[in-house]
Amino acid sequence: MISIVAMNKLKNIDGALRVVEALKTSNKKVVFTNGCFDIIHAGHVEYLAKARALGDFLVLGINSDKSVQSIKGPKRPIVSEEERVIVLSALEMVDMVVLFDDEIPIKLIGLLRPDIHVKGGDYEKRNLPEYSTIKEYGGEVEIIEFREGCSTTGLIEKVVEIYGN
């Protein structure tokens, strides 16, 4: 069962579009970022705080379980989309959450048209598949450096090393 906090922040695409349009009418700067966020760690929290600091409202696109499996393989995600939504919605810097099924949220970005799209330091602006969509409507792309040594894959490897056979 999804918590009250998650229910208030989780929006379907139509609901998210209504919220973003109202914010833009009020001249608020909308920031969007996305990811799997399979096992939440300090790197995720710092990244989201830095993304939120770039504007007035942070929209977080979360890859659905189906999408994560497509990207990461059949053993992922470790944490279900429902549980990821609950945890990420509880973070004060996250203003709204939208689940999406695509590997890359190009359609979602094209609909919401955020002022700023944020990606992690392992990307380069011009190499992003969504870059042309963002530039087409006049949005910006910001790259935020990751916290060194923090990754979900690293956590999984550490758990396997300590507890695996």
C-alpha atoms as a PDB file:
ATOM      1  CA  MET A   1       0.000   0.000   0.000  1.00  0.00           C
ATOM      2  CA  ILE A   2       1.387   3.384  -1.016  1.00  0.00           C
ATOM      3  CA  SER A   3       1.848   5.869   1.828  1.00  0.00           C
ATOM      4  CA  ILE A   4       0.022   9.203   2.122  1.00  0.00           C
ATOM      5  CA  VAL A   5       3.225  11.112   1.246  1.00  0.00           C
ATOM      6  CA  ALA A   6       3.705   9.042  -1.902  1.00  0.00           C
ATOM      7  CA  MET A   7       0.050   9.402  -2.874  1.00  0.00           C
ATOM      8  CA  ASN A   8       0.352  13.191  -2.647  1.00  0.00           C
ATOM      9  CA  LYS A   9       3.526  13.346  -4.735  1.00  0.00           C
ATOM     10  CA  LEU A  10       2.921  10.524  -7.238  1.00  0.00           C
ATOM     11  CA  LYS A  11       1.188  11.749 -10.384  1.00  0.00           C
ATOM     12  CA  ASN A  12       0.224  10.105 -13.631  1.00  0.00           C
ATOM     13  CA  ILE A  13       1.313  11.912 -16.787  1.00  0.00           C
ATOM     14  CA  ASP A  14      -1.887  13.984 -17.061  1.00  0.00           C
ATOM     15  CA  GLY A  15      -1.666  15.031 -13.411  1.00  0.00           C
ATOM     16  CA  ALA A  16       2.010  15.891 -13.769  1.00  0.00           C
ATOM     17  CA  LEU A  17       1.284  17.977 -16.853  1.00  0.00           C
ATOM     18  CA  ARG A  18      -1.394  19.973 -15.004  1.00  0.00           C
ATOM     19  CA  VAL A  19       0.974  20.664 -12.100  1.00  0.00           C
ATOM     20  CA  VAL A  20       3.870  21.694 -14.368  1.00  0.00           C
ATOM     21  CA  GLU A  21       1.649  23.965 -16.482  1.00  0.00           C
ATOM     22  CA  ALA A  22       0.385  25.719 -13.327  1.00  0.00           C
ATOM     23  CA  LEU A  23       3.957  26.175 -12.073  1.00  0.00           C
ATOM     24  CA  LYS A  24       5.080  27.662 -15.377  1.00  0.00           C
ATOM     25  CA  THR A  25       2.119  30.053 -15.345  1.00  0.00           C
ATOM     26  CA  SER A  26       3.463  31.236 -11.967  1.00  0.00           C
ATOM     27  CA  ASN A  27       6.967  31.660 -13.464  1.00  0.00           C
ATOM     28  CA  LYS A  28       8.383  28.819 -11.371  1.00  0.00           C
ATOM     29  CA  LYS A  29      11.476  27.039 -12.681  1.00  0.00           C
ATOM     30  CA  VAL A  30      10.755  23.315 -13.127  1.00  0.00           C
ATOM     31  CA  VAL A  31      13.643  20.853 -12.859  1.00  0.00           C
ATOM     32  CA  PHE A  32      13.344  17.260 -14.076  1.00  0.00           C
ATOM     33  CA  THR A  33      15.586  14.294 -13.497  1.00  0.00           C
ATOM     34  CA  ASN A  34      15.074  10.588 -13.806  1.00  0.00           C
ATOM     35  CA  GLY A  35      16.541   7.215 -12.997  1.00  0.00           C
ATOM     36  CA  CYS A  36      16.024   3.731 -11.662  1.00  0.00           C
ATOM     37  CA  PHE A  37      16.937   4.580  -8.039  1.00  0.00           C
ATOM     38  CA  ASP A  38      16.912   0.864  -7.270  1.00  0.00           C
ATOM     39  CA  ILE A  39      18.647   0.893  -3.884  1.00  0.00           C
ATOM     40  CA  ILE A  40      18.646   4.447  -2.516  1.00  0.00           C
ATOM     41  CA  HIS A  41      22.034   5.602  -1.197  1.00  0.00           C
ATOM     42  CA  ALA A  42      23.810   8.823  -0.181  1.00  0.00           C
ATOM     43  CA  GLY A  43      24.825   9.540  -3.771  1.00  0.00           C
ATOM     44  CA  HIS A  44      21.173   9.581  -4.843  1.00  0.00           C
ATOM     45  CA  VAL A  45      20.198  11.919  -1.998  1.00  0.00           C
ATOM     46  CA  GLU A  46      23.031  14.376  -2.723  1.00  0.00           C
ATOM     47  CA  TYR A  47      22.282  14.285  -6.452  1.00  0.00           C
ATOM     48  CA  LEU A  48      18.577  15.013  -5.886  1.00  0.00           C
ATOM     49  CA  ALA A  49      19.375  17.866  -3.480  1.00  0.00           C
ATOM     50  CA  LYS A  50      21.688  19.445  -6.064  1.00  0.00           C
ATOM     51  CA  ALA A  51      19.071  18.996  -8.794  1.00  0.00           C
ATOM     52  CA  ARG A  52      16.370  20.627  -6.638  1.00  0.00           C
ATOM     53  CA  ALA A  53      18.669  23.573  -5.881  1.00  0.00           C
ATOM     54  CA  LEU A  54      18.652  24.451  -9.601  1.00  0.00           C
ATOM     55  CA  GLY A  55      15.001  25.517  -9.587  1.00  0.00           C
ATOM     56  CA  ASP A  56      11.728  25.893  -7.733  1.00  0.00           C
ATOM     57  CA  PHE A  57      10.199  22.433  -8.222  1.00  0.00           C
ATOM     58  CA  LEU A  58      11.777  19.005  -8.771  1.00  0.00           C
ATOM     59  CA  VAL A  59       9.963  16.409 -10.853  1.00  0.00           C
ATOM     60  CA  LEU A  60      11.479  12.952 -10.480  1.00  0.00           C
ATOM     61  CA  GLY A  61      10.849  10.424 -13.226  1.00  0.00           C
ATOM     62  CA  ILE A  62      11.264   6.887 -11.895  1.00  0.00           C
ATOM     63  CA  ASN A  63      11.758   3.958 -14.251  1.00  0.00           C
ATOM     64  CA  SER A  64       9.032   1.356 -13.731  1.00  0.00           C
ATOM     65  CA  ASP A  65       9.981  -2.224 -12.844  1.00  0.00           C
ATOM     66  CA  LYS A  66       9.480  -3.192 -16.503  1.00  0.00           C
ATOM     67  CA  SER A  67      11.782  -0.392 -17.611  1.00  0.00           C
ATOM     68  CA  VAL A  68      14.478  -1.240 -15.040  1.00  0.00           C
ATOM     69  CA  GLN A  69      14.487  -4.885 -16.186  1.00  0.00           C
ATOM     70  CA  SER A  70      14.909  -3.732 -19.762  1.00  0.00           C
ATOM     71  CA  ILE A  71      17.903  -1.554 -18.805  1.00  0.00           C
ATOM     72  CA  LYS A  72      19.566  -3.563 -16.014  1.00  0.00           C
ATOM     73  CA  GLY A  73      18.529  -7.140 -16.734  1.00  0.00           C
ATOM     74  CA  PRO A  74      16.039  -9.709 -15.406  1.00  0.00           C
ATOM     75  CA  LYS A  75      17.384  -9.732 -11.815  1.00  0.00           C
ATOM     76  CA  ARG A  76      16.612  -6.059 -11.323  1.00  0.00           C
ATOM     77  CA  PRO A  77      15.118  -4.080  -9.786  1.00  0.00           C
ATOM     78  CA  ILE A  78      15.951  -5.238  -6.285  1.00  0.00           C
ATOM     79  CA  VAL A  79      13.385  -2.804  -4.825  1.00  0.00           C
ATOM     80  CA  SER A  80       9.913  -2.668  -6.421  1.00  0.00           C
ATOM     81  CA  GLU A  81       8.610   0.475  -8.111  1.00  0.00           C
ATOM     82  CA  GLU A  82       6.012   0.881  -5.356  1.00  0.00           C
ATOM     83  CA  GLU A  83       8.689   0.837  -2.649  1.00  0.00           C
ATOM     84  CA  ARG A  84      10.990   3.145  -4.653  1.00  0.00           C
ATOM     85  CA  VAL A  85       8.109   5.616  -5.056  1.00  0.00           C
ATOM     86  CA  ILE A  86       7.424   5.553  -1.290  1.00  0.00           C
ATOM     87  CA  VAL A  87      11.069   6.151  -0.348  1.00  0.00           C
ATOM     88  CA  LEU A  88      11.757   8.839  -2.955  1.00  0.00           C
ATOM     89  CA  SER A  89       8.486  10.642  -2.228  1.00  0.00           C
ATOM     90  CA  ALA A  90       9.526  10.925   1.413  1.00  0.00           C
ATOM     91  CA  LEU A  91      12.555  13.030   0.458  1.00  0.00           C
ATOM     92  CA  GLU A  92      11.783  16.706   1.005  1.00  0.00           C
ATOM     93  CA  MET A  93      13.678  17.840  -2.099  1.00  0.00           C
ATOM     94  CA  VAL A  94      11.444  15.730  -4.354  1.00  0.00           C
ATOM     95  CA  ASP A  95       8.279  17.665  -5.167  1.00  0.00           C
ATOM     96  CA  MET A  96       6.617  15.244  -7.572  1.00  0.00           C
ATOM     97  CA  VAL A  97       7.159  11.684  -8.808  1.00  0.00           C
ATOM     98  CA  VAL A  98       6.140  10.217 -12.164  1.00  0.00           C
ATOM     99  CA  LEU A  99       6.604   6.539 -13.079  1.00  0.00           C
ATOM    100  CA  PHE A 100       7.426   5.794 -16.711  1.00  0.00           C
ATOM    101  CA  ASP A 101       7.852   2.590 -18.738  1.00  0.00           C
ATOM    102  CA  ASP A 102      10.303   3.757 -21.403  1.00  0.00           C
ATOM    103  CA  GLU A 103      14.042   3.238 -20.983  1.00  0.00           C
ATOM    104  CA  ILE A 104      14.607   6.935 -21.665  1.00  0.00           C
ATOM    105  CA  PRO A 105      11.906   9.491 -20.766  1.00  0.00           C
ATOM    106  CA  ILE A 106      12.022  11.411 -24.061  1.00  0.00           C
ATOM    107  CA  LYS A 107       8.213  11.396 -24.439  1.00  0.00           C
ATOM    108  CA  LEU A 108       7.706  12.452 -20.815  1.00  0.00           C
ATOM    109  CA  ILE A 109      10.238  15.279 -21.139  1.00  0.00           C
ATOM    110  CA  GLY A 110       8.623  16.379 -24.402  1.00  0.00           C
ATOM    111  CA  LEU A 111       5.238  16.594 -22.681  1.00  0.00           C
ATOM    112  CA  LEU A 112       6.355  18.245 -19.437  1.00  0.00           C
ATOM    113  CA  ARG A 113       8.955  20.523 -21.065  1.00  0.00           C
ATOM    114  CA  PRO A 114      10.907  21.200 -17.864  1.00  0.00           C
ATOM    115  CA  ASP A 115      13.098  24.291 -17.760  1.00  0.00           C
ATOM    116  CA  ILE A 116      16.093  22.188 -16.704  1.00  0.00           C
ATOM    117  CA  HIS A 117      16.798  18.498 -17.264  1.00  0.00           C
ATOM    118  CA  VAL A 118      19.447  17.094 -14.915  1.00  0.00           C
ATOM    119  CA  LYS A 119      21.623  14.027 -15.475  1.00  0.00           C
ATOM    120  CA  GLY A 120      24.500  12.503 -13.539  1.00  0.00           C
ATOM    121  CA  GLY A 121      28.187  13.009 -14.217  1.00  0.00           C
ATOM    122  CA  ASP A 122      28.508   9.819 -16.251  1.00  0.00           C
ATOM    123  CA  TYR A 123      26.684  11.575 -19.120  1.00  0.00           C
ATOM    124  CA  GLU A 124      27.676  14.286 -21.558  1.00  0.00           C
ATOM    125  CA  LYS A 125      25.031  16.794 -22.625  1.00  0.00           C
ATOM    126  CA  ARG A 126      25.310  16.326 -26.352  1.00  0.00           C
ATOM    127  CA  ASN A 127      25.358  12.517 -26.077  1.00  0.00           C
ATOM    128  CA  LEU A 128      22.008  12.347 -24.263  1.00  0.00           C
ATOM    129  CA  PRO A 129      19.267  10.811 -26.431  1.00  0.00           C
ATOM    130  CA  GLU A 130      16.864  13.429 -25.017  1.00  0.00           C
ATOM    131  CA  TYR A 131      19.193  16.380 -25.722  1.00  0.00           C
ATOM    132  CA  SER A 132      17.616  17.386 -29.052  1.00  0.00           C
ATOM    133  CA  THR A 133      14.093  17.256 -27.570  1.00  0.00           C
ATOM    134  CA  ILE A 134      15.130  19.546 -24.711  1.00  0.00           C
ATOM    135  CA  LYS A 135      16.955  21.991 -26.977  1.00  0.00           C
ATOM    136  CA  GLU A 136      14.027  22.011 -29.415  1.00  0.00           C
ATOM    137  CA  TYR A 137      11.689  23.611 -26.869  1.00  0.00           C
ATOM    138  CA  GLY A 138      14.384  25.836 -25.306  1.00  0.00           C
ATOM    139  CA  GLY A 139      15.177  23.854 -22.160  1.00  0.00           C
ATOM    140  CA  GLU A 140      18.564  23.479 -20.506  1.00  0.00           C
ATOM    141  CA  VAL A 141      20.575  20.397 -19.586  1.00  0.00           C
ATOM    142  CA  GLU A 142      22.712  20.331 -16.435  1.00  0.00           C
ATOM    143  CA  ILE A 143      25.185  17.601 -15.515  1.00  0.00           C
ATOM    144  CA  ILE A 144      25.778  16.986 -11.801  1.00  0.00           C
ATOM    145  CA  GLU A 145      28.831  15.084 -10.628  1.00  0.00           C
ATOM    146  CA  PHE A 146      28.212  11.884  -8.706  1.00  0.00           C
ATOM    147  CA  ARG A 147      29.427  11.223  -5.195  1.00  0.00           C
ATOM    148  CA  GLU A 148      32.515   9.079  -5.614  1.00  0.00           C
ATOM    149  CA  GLY A 149      32.110   5.409  -4.664  1.00  0.00           C
ATOM    150  CA  CYS A 150      28.301   5.432  -4.430  1.00  0.00           C
ATOM    151  CA  SER A 151      26.356   3.197  -6.764  1.00  0.00           C
ATOM    152  CA  THR A 152      23.579   0.654  -6.559  1.00  0.00           C
ATOM    153  CA  THR A 153      25.702  -1.826  -8.515  1.00  0.00           C
ATOM    154  CA  GLY A 154      28.542  -1.300  -6.028  1.00  0.00           C
ATOM    155  CA  LEU A 155      26.191  -1.953  -3.110  1.00  0.00           C
ATOM    156  CA  ILE A 156      24.899  -5.140  -4.720  1.00  0.00           C
ATOM    157  CA  GLU A 157      28.464  -6.341  -5.362  1.00  0.00           C
ATOM    158  CA  LYS A 158      29.431  -5.603  -1.748  1.00  0.00           C
ATOM    159  CA  VAL A 159      26.435  -7.541  -0.380  1.00  0.00           C
ATOM    160  CA  VAL A 160      27.223 -10.506  -2.645  1.00  0.00           C
ATOM    161  CA  GLU A 161      30.885 -10.401  -1.602  1.00  0.00           C
ATOM    162  CA  ILE A 162      30.025 -10.358   2.112  1.00  0.00           C
ATOM    163  CA  TYR A 163      26.991 -12.650   2.160  1.00  0.00           C
ATOM    164  CA  GLY A 164      27.050 -14.537  -1.134  1.00  0.00           C
ATOM    165  CA  ASN A 165      28.415 -17.960  -1.804  1.00  0.00           C
END
